[in-house]
Amino acid sequence: MSDKKSVLWFVILVGVVSLCADATYEGARSITGAYLGSLGRVAPLSVWSPDLGS
């Protein structure tokens, strides 16, 4: 493989990995409130408590 092809392949691979990681993170963040609500947490705490780790 030529040097330019190797670089292009690496950039595309890193982009795909980043896309998968972002989809996983955003999916987990989108269900956090509903999950805490199903555990009986009140709405303000459900919004506030996940931000403690950030």
C-alpha atoms as a PDB file:
ATOM      1  CA  MET A   1       0.000   0.000   0.000  1.00  0.00           C
ATOM      2  CA  SER A   2       1.281   3.460  -0.759  1.00  0.00           C
ATOM      3  CA  ASP A   3       1.883   5.970   1.984  1.00  0.00           C
ATOM      4  CA  LYS A   4      -1.071   8.189   0.973  1.00  0.00           C
ATOM      5  CA  LYS A   5      -3.460   5.213   0.937  1.00  0.00           C
ATOM      6  CA  SER A   6      -2.309   4.183   4.396  1.00  0.00           C
ATOM      7  CA  VAL A   7      -2.944   7.647   5.767  1.00  0.00           C
ATOM      8  CA  LEU A   8      -6.379   7.836   4.149  1.00  0.00           C
ATOM      9  CA  TRP A   9      -7.300   4.373   5.475  1.00  0.00           C
ATOM     10  CA  PHE A  10      -6.226   5.398   9.001  1.00  0.00           C
ATOM     11  CA  VAL A  11      -8.247   8.640   8.903  1.00  0.00           C
ATOM     12  CA  ILE A  12     -11.350   6.793   7.707  1.00  0.00           C
ATOM     13  CA  LEU A  13     -10.911   4.110  10.385  1.00  0.00           C
ATOM     14  CA  VAL A  14     -10.542   6.701  13.152  1.00  0.00           C
ATOM     15  CA  GLY A  15     -13.649   8.466  11.844  1.00  0.00           C
ATOM     16  CA  VAL A  16     -15.709   5.260  11.969  1.00  0.00           C
ATOM     17  CA  VAL A  17     -14.505   4.508  15.502  1.00  0.00           C
ATOM     18  CA  SER A  18     -15.362   8.067  16.541  1.00  0.00           C
ATOM     19  CA  LEU A  19     -18.829   7.767  14.994  1.00  0.00           C
ATOM     20  CA  CYS A  20     -19.532   4.537  16.899  1.00  0.00           C
ATOM     21  CA  ALA A  21     -18.279   6.008  20.174  1.00  0.00           C
ATOM     22  CA  ASP A  22     -20.376   9.152  19.734  1.00  0.00           C
ATOM     23  CA  ALA A  23     -23.506   7.150  18.917  1.00  0.00           C
ATOM     24  CA  THR A  24     -22.984   5.030  22.040  1.00  0.00           C
ATOM     25  CA  TYR A  25     -22.400   8.072  24.258  1.00  0.00           C
ATOM     26  CA  GLU A  26     -25.356  10.048  22.937  1.00  0.00           C
ATOM     27  CA  GLY A  27     -27.627   7.013  23.141  1.00  0.00           C
ATOM     28  CA  ALA A  28     -26.677   6.448  26.761  1.00  0.00           C
ATOM     29  CA  ARG A  29     -27.206  10.123  27.614  1.00  0.00           C
ATOM     30  CA  SER A  30     -30.631  10.141  25.957  1.00  0.00           C
ATOM     31  CA  ILE A  31     -32.006   7.352  28.141  1.00  0.00           C
ATOM     32  CA  THR A  32     -30.491   8.488  31.445  1.00  0.00           C
ATOM     33  CA  GLY A  33     -33.488  10.602  32.485  1.00  0.00           C
ATOM     34  CA  ALA A  34     -36.027   7.925  31.586  1.00  0.00           C
ATOM     35  CA  TYR A  35     -33.974   5.277  33.390  1.00  0.00           C
ATOM     36  CA  LEU A  36     -33.690   7.346  36.562  1.00  0.00           C
ATOM     37  CA  GLY A  37     -37.412   8.133  36.297  1.00  0.00           C
ATOM     38  CA  SER A  38     -38.197   4.424  36.198  1.00  0.00           C
ATOM     39  CA  LEU A  39     -36.208   4.060  39.415  1.00  0.00           C
ATOM     40  CA  GLY A  40     -38.479   6.619  41.068  1.00  0.00           C
ATOM     41  CA  ARG A  41     -36.213   9.654  40.988  1.00  0.00           C
ATOM     42  CA  VAL A  42     -37.907  13.042  40.808  1.00  0.00           C
ATOM     43  CA  ALA A  43     -37.398  15.131  37.670  1.00  0.00           C
ATOM     44  CA  PRO A  44     -35.022  17.834  39.006  1.00  0.00           C
ATOM     45  CA  LEU A  45     -32.716  15.239  40.509  1.00  0.00           C
ATOM     46  CA  SER A  46     -32.858  13.164  37.336  1.00  0.00           C
ATOM     47  CA  VAL A  47     -31.565  16.140  35.375  1.00  0.00           C
ATOM     48  CA  TRP A  48     -29.073  17.370  37.933  1.00  0.00           C
ATOM     49  CA  SER A  49     -27.456  14.161  39.199  1.00  0.00           C
ATOM     50  CA  PRO A  50     -25.939  12.893  35.901  1.00  0.00           C
ATOM     51  CA  ASP A  51     -24.134  16.218  35.534  1.00  0.00           C
ATOM     52  CA  LEU A  52     -22.231  15.635  38.762  1.00  0.00           C
ATOM     53  CA  GLY A  53     -19.820  13.302  36.982  1.00  0.00           C
ATOM     54  CA  SER A  54     -19.052  15.764  34.211  1.00  0.00           C
END
